[in-house]
């Protein structure tokens, strides 16, 4: 009887040891997977470093977005971009002359190290209020940022895209969608060409 009890205890201990070893191995594998996923998240805090400096800006925008209008207004001016917080933020000053007059805009871009995303916060001199932040990130040399805003008493989606990035040029496009993102209408295009490397 004692021998049978010892044998049962031995078998039970072996099963318990095997179960604990399997749990430990699974936990290690889950931890490695989590680290691999976490390590795969790209640190984008220097995504806008390419733009630090002074740029000649050619801007055109639709006179009446989401109305079927095809009338574009063209403007020319300068954009100055400065680093803030060691590159984890930057300040953009835009000045352009348009047929309707002089326009000045300011954009504060902030990097969130937890989400690895940027918020683009825009204001113009006429009202001095920050717009709804446009949130997004860069992937494969392309920045895409989204938000939802009111336009003509309707909620619309806004997409802001940065493409064609080189050391001396870049392109910005803003599009609106009033059908939940099924279709987009480009309403704002800016082409920048570097003037000098100010920092």
Protein backbone atom coordinates (compact mmCIF):
# COMPACT_ATOMS: atom_id res chain seq x y z
CA UNK A 1 0.00 0.00 0.00
CA UNK A 2 2.87 2.35 0.88
CA UNK A 3 4.53 1.56 -2.38
CA UNK A 4 1.34 2.37 -4.27
CA UNK A 5 0.98 5.70 -2.44
CA UNK A 6 4.62 6.59 -3.20
CA UNK A 7 4.11 5.70 -6.85
CA UNK A 8 0.99 7.86 -7.01
CA UNK A 9 2.83 10.77 -5.37
CA UNK A 10 5.74 10.36 -7.79
CA UNK A 11 3.42 10.33 -10.82
CA UNK A 12 1.52 13.36 -9.46
CA UNK A 13 4.77 15.28 -8.91
CA UNK A 14 5.98 14.43 -12.40
CA UNK A 15 2.69 15.63 -13.89
CA UNK A 16 2.84 18.81 -11.82
CA UNK A 17 6.46 19.48 -12.85
CA UNK A 18 5.59 18.89 -16.51
CA UNK A 19 2.58 21.22 -16.25
CA UNK A 20 4.64 23.97 -14.59
CA UNK A 21 7.39 23.61 -17.17
CA UNK A 22 4.82 23.90 -19.99
CA UNK A 23 3.29 27.00 -18.39
CA UNK A 24 6.75 28.55 -17.96
CA UNK A 25 7.64 27.86 -21.61
CA UNK A 26 4.31 29.34 -22.80
CA UNK A 27 4.85 32.44 -20.66
CA UNK A 28 8.35 32.88 -22.09
CA UNK A 29 7.03 32.52 -25.63
CA UNK A 30 4.22 35.07 -24.96
CA UNK A 31 6.77 37.47 -23.51
CA UNK A 32 9.05 37.07 -26.51
CA UNK A 33 6.11 37.62 -28.86
CA UNK A 34 5.05 40.75 -26.96
CA UNK A 35 8.61 42.09 -27.03
CA UNK A 36 8.87 41.41 -30.76
CA UNK A 37 5.60 43.23 -31.38
CA UNK A 38 6.56 46.10 -29.08
CA UNK A 39 10.02 46.29 -30.64
CA UNK A 40 8.46 46.46 -34.10
CA UNK A 41 6.74 49.77 -33.26
CA UNK A 42 8.80 52.46 -34.93
CA UNK A 43 9.90 55.48 -32.93
CA UNK A 44 8.75 58.36 -35.13
CA UNK A 45 9.79 61.32 -33.00
CA UNK A 46 12.13 62.56 -35.74
CA UNK A 47 9.71 62.10 -38.65
CA UNK A 48 9.49 65.84 -39.30
CA UNK A 49 13.25 66.52 -39.11
CA UNK A 50 13.33 66.62 -42.93
CA UNK A 51 11.22 69.76 -42.86
CA UNK A 52 13.22 71.91 -40.43
CA UNK A 53 14.18 75.10 -42.26
CA UNK A 54 12.70 77.67 -44.63
CA UNK A 55 10.62 76.76 -47.69
CA UNK A 56 9.09 78.51 -50.66
CA UNK A 57 5.42 77.47 -50.68
CA UNK A 58 3.00 77.29 -53.59
CA UNK A 59 -0.48 76.67 -52.24
CA UNK A 60 -3.78 76.13 -53.97
CA UNK A 61 -7.15 75.40 -52.41
CA UNK A 62 -10.70 74.84 -53.55
CA UNK A 63 -12.81 77.95 -53.12
CA UNK A 64 -15.88 75.94 -52.01
CA UNK A 65 -15.10 72.35 -50.89
CA UNK A 66 -17.71 69.60 -51.16
CA UNK A 67 -20.03 71.68 -53.34
CA UNK A 68 -19.01 70.35 -56.75
CA UNK A 69 -16.95 73.51 -57.31
CA UNK A 70 -13.78 73.22 -59.41
CA UNK A 71 -12.57 76.78 -58.77
CA UNK A 72 -9.07 76.77 -57.31
CA UNK A 73 -7.39 79.73 -55.55
CA UNK A 74 -3.59 79.89 -55.87
CA UNK A 75 -1.25 81.51 -53.33
CA UNK A 76 2.51 81.89 -52.90
CA UNK A 77 4.63 82.52 -49.81
CA UNK A 78 6.97 80.93 -47.30
CA UNK A 79 6.91 78.26 -44.62
CA UNK A 80 9.34 78.23 -41.70
CA UNK A 81 9.62 75.09 -39.55
CA UNK A 82 11.46 75.05 -36.20
CA UNK A 83 12.26 72.19 -33.84
CA UNK A 84 10.76 72.24 -30.36
CA UNK A 85 11.55 69.82 -27.50
CA UNK A 86 14.53 68.33 -29.34
CA UNK A 87 12.43 67.31 -32.34
CA UNK A 88 9.51 65.72 -30.47
CA UNK A 89 7.52 68.76 -31.50
CA UNK A 90 7.84 71.44 -34.16
CA UNK A 91 6.32 74.78 -34.98
CA UNK A 92 5.28 75.67 -38.54
CA UNK A 93 4.70 79.27 -39.62
CA UNK A 94 2.98 79.69 -42.99
CA UNK A 95 2.63 83.07 -44.74
CA UNK A 96 1.09 83.30 -48.20
CA UNK A 97 -0.39 85.97 -50.41
CA UNK A 98 -3.61 85.02 -52.15
CA UNK A 99 -5.91 86.97 -54.48
CA UNK A 100 -8.17 87.59 -51.47
CA UNK A 101 -5.28 88.92 -49.34
CA UNK A 102 -2.53 87.89 -46.95
CA UNK A 103 -2.92 84.65 -44.93
CA UNK A 104 -0.90 83.52 -41.90
CA UNK A 105 -1.20 80.10 -40.32
CA UNK A 106 0.54 78.34 -37.46
CA UNK A 107 0.79 74.60 -36.85
CA UNK A 108 2.03 72.98 -33.66
CA UNK A 109 2.92 69.33 -34.23
CA UNK A 110 3.31 67.16 -31.14
CA UNK A 111 4.69 63.61 -30.92
CA UNK A 112 3.08 61.15 -28.48
CA UNK A 113 5.75 58.60 -27.44
CA UNK A 114 3.10 56.17 -26.10
CA UNK A 115 0.99 55.95 -29.26
CA UNK A 116 3.94 56.72 -31.61
CA UNK A 117 1.67 59.18 -33.42
CA UNK A 118 1.70 62.88 -34.17
CA UNK A 119 -1.05 65.42 -33.58
CA UNK A 120 -1.16 68.36 -36.00
CA UNK A 121 -2.79 71.41 -34.41
CA UNK A 122 -3.51 74.30 -36.78
CA UNK A 123 -4.54 77.90 -36.21
CA UNK A 124 -4.82 80.97 -38.41
CA UNK A 125 -4.21 84.59 -37.54
CA UNK A 126 -7.82 85.57 -38.27
CA UNK A 127 -9.38 83.60 -35.40
CA UNK A 128 -6.44 82.55 -33.20
CA UNK A 129 -8.07 79.21 -32.28
CA UNK A 130 -6.55 75.76 -32.56
CA UNK A 131 -8.43 73.45 -34.89
CA UNK A 132 -9.38 69.88 -34.08
CA UNK A 133 -6.05 67.96 -33.99
CA UNK A 134 -5.33 65.75 -36.97
CA UNK A 135 -3.75 62.49 -35.73
CA UNK A 136 -1.53 60.04 -37.58
CA UNK A 137 1.93 58.79 -38.41
CA UNK A 138 4.49 58.12 -41.12
CA UNK A 139 4.80 54.76 -42.86
CA UNK A 140 7.16 54.05 -45.75
CA UNK A 141 7.98 57.73 -46.25
CA UNK A 142 4.33 58.84 -46.31
CA UNK A 143 2.52 60.69 -43.53
CA UNK A 144 -1.23 60.23 -43.10
CA UNK A 145 -3.28 62.11 -40.52
CA UNK A 146 -7.05 62.07 -39.87
CA UNK A 147 -9.74 63.82 -37.89
CA UNK A 148 -13.43 64.65 -37.93
CA UNK A 149 -14.60 68.26 -38.24
CA UNK A 150 -17.80 70.20 -38.88
CA UNK A 151 -18.30 71.77 -42.31
CA UNK A 152 -21.55 73.47 -43.33
CA UNK A 153 -23.27 72.03 -40.23
CA UNK A 154 -22.23 68.46 -41.13
CA UNK A 155 -19.56 66.20 -39.65
CA UNK A 156 -16.94 65.35 -42.27
CA UNK A 157 -13.72 63.35 -42.27
CA UNK A 158 -10.44 65.14 -42.94
CA UNK A 159 -7.32 63.46 -44.31
CA UNK A 160 -3.95 65.24 -44.43
CA UNK A 161 -1.20 63.51 -46.42
CA UNK A 162 2.51 64.31 -46.75
CA UNK A 163 4.25 62.74 -49.77
CA UNK A 164 7.09 63.17 -52.27
CA UNK A 165 9.56 63.91 -49.47
CA UNK A 166 13.10 64.73 -50.60
CA UNK A 167 15.79 66.83 -48.89
CA UNK A 168 14.64 69.86 -50.91
CA UNK A 169 10.95 69.36 -51.62
CA UNK A 170 7.72 67.90 -50.26
CA UNK A 171 3.99 67.90 -50.97
CA UNK A 172 0.98 68.30 -48.68
CA UNK A 173 -2.62 67.43 -49.53
CA UNK A 174 -5.79 67.85 -47.55
CA UNK A 175 -8.97 66.00 -48.53
CA UNK A 176 -12.53 65.97 -47.23
CA UNK A 177 -15.04 63.12 -47.18
CA UNK A 178 -18.73 63.53 -46.41
CA UNK A 179 -19.59 59.87 -46.98
CA UNK A 180 -17.60 58.22 -44.19
CA UNK A 181 -14.37 57.86 -46.17
CA UNK A 182 -15.78 56.09 -49.22
CA UNK A 183 -14.73 58.98 -51.46
CA UNK A 184 -12.35 61.88 -50.88
CA UNK A 185 -12.15 65.32 -52.49
CA UNK A 186 -8.74 67.03 -52.46
CA UNK A 187 -9.28 70.64 -51.46
CA UNK A 188 -5.84 71.91 -50.46
CA UNK A 189 -2.41 71.24 -52.06
CA UNK A 190 0.91 72.76 -51.01
CA UNK A 191 4.22 72.19 -52.77
CA UNK A 192 7.30 73.27 -50.80
CA UNK A 193 10.81 73.86 -52.09
CA UNK A 194 13.67 74.43 -49.64
CA UNK A 195 15.16 77.91 -49.45
CA UNK A 196 17.76 77.45 -46.70
CA UNK A 197 18.66 75.19 -43.78
CA UNK A 198 17.72 77.26 -40.75
CA UNK A 199 17.32 75.48 -37.44
